[in-house]
Amino acid sequence: MKQKKRFYNVMFPIWFFYLFPPLWLIIIPINIIVDGLVFYWGLKKAGVETIKEHMKKHMVPIVLVGFFADILGAGIILGFLEWVRPFMVYTFPKLYVKEWGHRAVMDYVGLALVVALVGYGIYEIHKRFLYKKSNFTKEQIKSIAIKFAIFTAPYTFLIPTEWIYK
């Protein structure tokens, strides 16, 4: 019997873009605003004096890295749903109980791990690549990178999509 595939846990604007193109006009500015606020706050906390100059220089790469990280995270989740989850259902059937609305603890744990992994990736990209040509100290770079990892990780992956379409 062929099992019907359902993608309940993926909550990322990629499929929003396809289903609701007008949402692009909302999602992109929100991401830019959040990235800008986090960067501004990170620069302030790090004691950087030329905030305006750095905002102009780094905002485009920061926003692009954020979208890349979200796309990568969505890809990991789709891979999890496509390949890992069926293996887990077969291996640990008692953990996948239908009474929980076709969801299982393992799904949420997997999603939380993806959010953490993407957050760590954001940290590493910011720490290693984004500020190489800036005059930031290593401590300032680390401080800014940590703020981005914590505040721009894709927590929306944890929102059940049935809240939106049901």
C-alpha atoms as a PDB file:
ATOM      1  CA  MET A   1       0.000   0.000   0.000  1.00  0.00           C
ATOM      2  CA  LYS A   2       1.498   3.302  -1.074  1.00  0.00           C
ATOM      3  CA  GLN A   3       1.595   5.848   1.721  1.00  0.00           C
ATOM      4  CA  LYS A   4       0.451   9.380   0.935  1.00  0.00           C
ATOM      5  CA  LYS A   5       3.231  11.890   1.566  1.00  0.00           C
ATOM      6  CA  ARG A   6       2.389  14.886   3.699  1.00  0.00           C
ATOM      7  CA  PHE A   7       4.685  17.761   4.509  1.00  0.00           C
ATOM      8  CA  TYR A   8       3.215  19.062   7.730  1.00  0.00           C
ATOM      9  CA  ASN A   9       6.334  20.462   9.340  1.00  0.00           C
ATOM     10  CA  VAL A  10       7.865  22.594   6.622  1.00  0.00           C
ATOM     11  CA  MET A  11       7.146  26.253   7.284  1.00  0.00           C
ATOM     12  CA  PHE A  12       9.364  28.332   5.076  1.00  0.00           C
ATOM     13  CA  PRO A  13       8.542  31.100   2.651  1.00  0.00           C
ATOM     14  CA  ILE A  14       9.780  29.064  -0.351  1.00  0.00           C
ATOM     15  CA  TRP A  15       6.458  27.320  -0.741  1.00  0.00           C
ATOM     16  CA  PHE A  16       4.734  30.485   0.465  1.00  0.00           C
ATOM     17  CA  PHE A  17       6.311  32.220  -2.526  1.00  0.00           C
ATOM     18  CA  TYR A  18       4.793  29.648  -4.833  1.00  0.00           C
ATOM     19  CA  LEU A  19       1.364  29.576  -3.207  1.00  0.00           C
ATOM     20  CA  PHE A  20       1.088  33.218  -2.218  1.00  0.00           C
ATOM     21  CA  PRO A  21       3.328  35.439  -4.397  1.00  0.00           C
ATOM     22  CA  PRO A  22       2.001  38.659  -2.809  1.00  0.00           C
ATOM     23  CA  LEU A  23       3.525  37.515   0.497  1.00  0.00           C
ATOM     24  CA  TRP A  24       6.951  38.169  -1.017  1.00  0.00           C
ATOM     25  CA  LEU A  25       6.182  41.827  -0.517  1.00  0.00           C
ATOM     26  CA  ILE A  26       5.775  41.184   3.210  1.00  0.00           C
ATOM     27  CA  ILE A  27       8.323  38.437   3.910  1.00  0.00           C
ATOM     28  CA  ILE A  28      11.346  40.031   2.237  1.00  0.00           C
ATOM     29  CA  PRO A  29      10.993  43.411   3.996  1.00  0.00           C
ATOM     30  CA  ILE A  30      10.411  41.682   7.345  1.00  0.00           C
ATOM     31  CA  ASN A  31      13.606  39.654   6.890  1.00  0.00           C
ATOM     32  CA  ILE A  32      15.521  42.804   5.932  1.00  0.00           C
ATOM     33  CA  ILE A  33      14.163  44.691   8.949  1.00  0.00           C
ATOM     34  CA  VAL A  34      14.962  41.859  11.371  1.00  0.00           C
ATOM     35  CA  ASP A  35      18.476  41.449   9.935  1.00  0.00           C
ATOM     36  CA  GLY A  36      19.001  45.203  10.097  1.00  0.00           C
ATOM     37  CA  LEU A  37      17.847  45.420  13.710  1.00  0.00           C
ATOM     38  CA  VAL A  38      20.008  42.502  14.791  1.00  0.00           C
ATOM     39  CA  PHE A  39      23.027  43.928  12.962  1.00  0.00           C
ATOM     40  CA  TYR A  40      22.471  47.422  14.381  1.00  0.00           C
ATOM     41  CA  TRP A  41      22.101  46.006  17.896  1.00  0.00           C
ATOM     42  CA  GLY A  42      25.145  43.768  17.418  1.00  0.00           C
ATOM     43  CA  LEU A  43      27.256  46.714  16.248  1.00  0.00           C
ATOM     44  CA  LYS A  44      26.065  48.851  19.177  1.00  0.00           C
ATOM     45  CA  LYS A  45      26.792  46.113  21.723  1.00  0.00           C
ATOM     46  CA  ALA A  46      30.198  45.446  20.153  1.00  0.00           C
ATOM     47  CA  GLY A  47      31.106  49.111  20.538  1.00  0.00           C
ATOM     48  CA  VAL A  48      31.467  49.847  16.821  1.00  0.00           C
ATOM     49  CA  GLU A  49      31.444  53.594  16.157  1.00  0.00           C
ATOM     50  CA  THR A  50      30.811  53.695  12.388  1.00  0.00           C
ATOM     51  CA  ILE A  51      27.493  51.879  12.419  1.00  0.00           C
ATOM     52  CA  LYS A  52      25.985  53.606   9.396  1.00  0.00           C
ATOM     53  CA  GLU A  53      29.015  52.773   7.233  1.00  0.00           C
ATOM     54  CA  HIS A  54      28.915  49.107   8.221  1.00  0.00           C
ATOM     55  CA  MET A  55      25.159  48.894   7.728  1.00  0.00           C
ATOM     56  CA  LYS A  56      25.555  50.087   4.129  1.00  0.00           C
ATOM     57  CA  LYS A  57      28.496  47.771   3.495  1.00  0.00           C
ATOM     58  CA  HIS A  58      27.147  44.566   5.008  1.00  0.00           C
ATOM     59  CA  MET A  59      23.341  44.522   4.788  1.00  0.00           C
ATOM     60  CA  VAL A  60      23.022  42.961   1.329  1.00  0.00           C
ATOM     61  CA  PRO A  61      25.368  40.036   2.126  1.00  0.00           C
ATOM     62  CA  ILE A  62      23.683  39.574   5.515  1.00  0.00           C
ATOM     63  CA  VAL A  63      20.210  39.354   3.958  1.00  0.00           C
ATOM     64  CA  LEU A  64      21.451  36.967   1.254  1.00  0.00           C
ATOM     65  CA  VAL A  65      23.103  34.735   3.857  1.00  0.00           C
ATOM     66  CA  GLY A  66      19.839  34.691   5.820  1.00  0.00           C
ATOM     67  CA  PHE A  67      17.830  33.570   2.804  1.00  0.00           C
ATOM     68  CA  PHE A  68      20.490  31.003   1.866  1.00  0.00           C
ATOM     69  CA  ALA A  69      20.434  29.594   5.408  1.00  0.00           C
ATOM     70  CA  ASP A  70      16.634  29.330   5.348  1.00  0.00           C
ATOM     71  CA  ILE A  71      16.674  27.623   1.958  1.00  0.00           C
ATOM     72  CA  LEU A  72      19.324  25.195   3.180  1.00  0.00           C
ATOM     73  CA  GLY A  73      17.281  24.477   6.310  1.00  0.00           C
ATOM     74  CA  ALA A  74      14.134  23.878   4.246  1.00  0.00           C
ATOM     75  CA  GLY A  75      16.133  21.481   2.063  1.00  0.00           C
ATOM     76  CA  ILE A  76      17.341  19.601   5.128  1.00  0.00           C
ATOM     77  CA  ILE A  77      13.785  19.337   6.440  1.00  0.00           C
ATOM     78  CA  LEU A  78      12.489  18.079   3.111  1.00  0.00           C
ATOM     79  CA  GLY A  79      15.300  15.529   3.072  1.00  0.00           C
ATOM     80  CA  PHE A  80      14.374  14.513   6.592  1.00  0.00           C
ATOM     81  CA  LEU A  81      10.725  14.082   5.623  1.00  0.00           C
ATOM     82  CA  GLU A  82      11.588  12.241   2.433  1.00  0.00           C
ATOM     83  CA  TRP A  83      14.364   9.869   3.557  1.00  0.00           C
ATOM     84  CA  VAL A  84      15.007   9.874   7.291  1.00  0.00           C
ATOM     85  CA  ARG A  85      11.457   9.946   8.614  1.00  0.00           C
ATOM     86  CA  PRO A  86      10.286   6.770   6.806  1.00  0.00           C
ATOM     87  CA  PHE A  87      13.334   4.978   8.210  1.00  0.00           C
ATOM     88  CA  MET A  88      12.536   6.266  11.699  1.00  0.00           C
ATOM     89  CA  VAL A  89       8.859   5.265  11.396  1.00  0.00           C
ATOM     90  CA  TYR A  90       9.894   1.763  10.345  1.00  0.00           C
ATOM     91  CA  THR A  91      12.602   1.477  13.015  1.00  0.00           C
ATOM     92  CA  PHE A  92      10.734   3.084  15.914  1.00  0.00           C
ATOM     93  CA  PRO A  93       7.005   2.635  15.135  1.00  0.00           C
ATOM     94  CA  LYS A  94       5.877   3.215  18.727  1.00  0.00           C
ATOM     95  CA  LEU A  95       7.283   6.750  18.665  1.00  0.00           C
ATOM     96  CA  TYR A  96       5.049   7.634  15.736  1.00  0.00           C
ATOM     97  CA  VAL A  97       1.579   7.569  17.209  1.00  0.00           C
ATOM     98  CA  LYS A  98      -1.326   8.754  15.044  1.00  0.00           C
ATOM     99  CA  GLU A  99      -3.167  10.192  18.061  1.00  0.00           C
ATOM    100  CA  TRP A 100      -0.809  13.169  18.059  1.00  0.00           C
ATOM    101  CA  GLY A 101      -2.279  14.487  14.825  1.00  0.00           C
ATOM    102  CA  HIS A 102       0.141  12.614  12.531  1.00  0.00           C
ATOM    103  CA  ARG A 103       3.051  14.194  14.358  1.00  0.00           C
ATOM    104  CA  ALA A 104       5.572  12.640  16.645  1.00  0.00           C
ATOM    105  CA  VAL A 105       8.085  13.732  19.175  1.00  0.00           C
ATOM    106  CA  MET A 106      10.844  12.659  16.796  1.00  0.00           C
ATOM    107  CA  ASP A 107       9.557  15.118  14.173  1.00  0.00           C
ATOM    108  CA  TYR A 108       9.814  18.031  16.576  1.00  0.00           C
ATOM    109  CA  VAL A 109      13.204  16.917  17.799  1.00  0.00           C
ATOM    110  CA  GLY A 110      14.364  16.650  14.195  1.00  0.00           C
ATOM    111  CA  LEU A 111      13.031  20.108  13.396  1.00  0.00           C
ATOM    112  CA  ALA A 112      14.642  21.591  16.501  1.00  0.00           C
ATOM    113  CA  LEU A 113      17.942  20.023  15.456  1.00  0.00           C
ATOM    114  CA  VAL A 114      17.595  21.561  11.989  1.00  0.00           C
ATOM    115  CA  VAL A 115      16.894  24.987  13.516  1.00  0.00           C
ATOM    116  CA  ALA A 116      19.969  24.598  15.737  1.00  0.00           C
ATOM    117  CA  LEU A 117      22.078  23.397  12.803  1.00  0.00           C
ATOM    118  CA  VAL A 118      21.008  26.325  10.634  1.00  0.00           C
ATOM    119  CA  GLY A 119      21.633  28.726  13.543  1.00  0.00           C
ATOM    120  CA  TYR A 120      25.129  27.297  13.914  1.00  0.00           C
ATOM    121  CA  GLY A 121      25.666  27.655  10.156  1.00  0.00           C
ATOM    122  CA  ILE A 122      24.597  31.304  10.360  1.00  0.00           C
ATOM    123  CA  TYR A 123      27.087  31.807  13.189  1.00  0.00           C
ATOM    124  CA  GLU A 124      29.939  30.218  11.244  1.00  0.00           C
ATOM    125  CA  ILE A 125      29.221  32.139   8.023  1.00  0.00           C
ATOM    126  CA  HIS A 126      29.072  35.433   9.886  1.00  0.00           C
ATOM    127  CA  LYS A 127      32.176  34.623  11.913  1.00  0.00           C
ATOM    128  CA  ARG A 128      34.347  33.317   9.075  1.00  0.00           C
ATOM    129  CA  PHE A 129      33.280  35.144   5.935  1.00  0.00           C
ATOM    130  CA  LEU A 130      31.046  38.204   6.221  1.00  0.00           C
ATOM    131  CA  TYR A 131      33.326  40.573   8.089  1.00  0.00           C
ATOM    132  CA  LYS A 132      36.743  39.589   6.737  1.00  0.00           C
ATOM    133  CA  LYS A 133      37.390  42.956   5.117  1.00  0.00           C
ATOM    134  CA  SER A 134      36.089  44.955   8.075  1.00  0.00           C
ATOM    135  CA  ASN A 135      38.102  46.413  10.885  1.00  0.00           C
ATOM    136  CA  PHE A 136      36.206  44.440  13.541  1.00  0.00           C
ATOM    137  CA  THR A 137      38.120  42.639  16.251  1.00  0.00           C
ATOM    138  CA  LYS A 138      37.644  38.874  16.662  1.00  0.00           C
ATOM    139  CA  GLU A 139      35.548  39.493  19.773  1.00  0.00           C
ATOM    140  CA  GLN A 140      33.278  41.928  17.921  1.00  0.00           C
ATOM    141  CA  ILE A 141      32.834  39.486  15.045  1.00  0.00           C
ATOM    142  CA  LYS A 142      32.040  36.668  17.456  1.00  0.00           C
ATOM    143  CA  SER A 143      29.542  38.832  19.345  1.00  0.00           C
ATOM    144  CA  ILE A 144      27.726  39.891  16.164  1.00  0.00           C
ATOM    145  CA  ALA A 145      27.747  36.340  14.786  1.00  0.00           C
ATOM    146  CA  ILE A 146      26.246  34.918  17.986  1.00  0.00           C
ATOM    147  CA  LYS A 147      23.447  37.481  17.897  1.00  0.00           C
ATOM    148  CA  PHE A 148      22.637  36.540  14.305  1.00  0.00           C
ATOM    149  CA  ALA A 149      22.713  32.826  15.118  1.00  0.00           C
ATOM    150  CA  ILE A 150      20.316  33.234  18.025  1.00  0.00           C
ATOM    151  CA  PHE A 151      17.920  35.827  16.638  1.00  0.00           C
ATOM    152  CA  THR A 152      17.738  34.869  12.957  1.00  0.00           C
ATOM    153  CA  ALA A 153      17.649  31.074  13.160  1.00  0.00           C
ATOM    154  CA  PRO A 154      14.561  29.798  11.290  1.00  0.00           C
ATOM    155  CA  TYR A 155      12.274  29.242  14.267  1.00  0.00           C
ATOM    156  CA  THR A 156       9.287  29.371  11.921  1.00  0.00           C
ATOM    157  CA  PHE A 157      10.167  25.799  10.925  1.00  0.00           C
ATOM    158  CA  LEU A 158       8.672  24.770  14.273  1.00  0.00           C
ATOM    159  CA  ILE A 159       5.255  26.282  13.496  1.00  0.00           C
ATOM    160  CA  PRO A 160       2.837  23.589  12.334  1.00  0.00           C
ATOM    161  CA  THR A 161       1.615  24.487   8.854  1.00  0.00           C
ATOM    162  CA  GLU A 162      -1.881  23.214   9.580  1.00  0.00           C
ATOM    163  CA  TRP A 163      -2.317  26.297  11.739  1.00  0.00           C
ATOM    164  CA  ILE A 164      -2.130  28.266   8.509  1.00  0.00           C
ATOM    165  CA  TYR A 165      -4.084  26.178   6.042  1.00  0.00           C
ATOM    166  CA  LYS A 166      -6.757  24.633   8.323  1.00  0.00           C
END
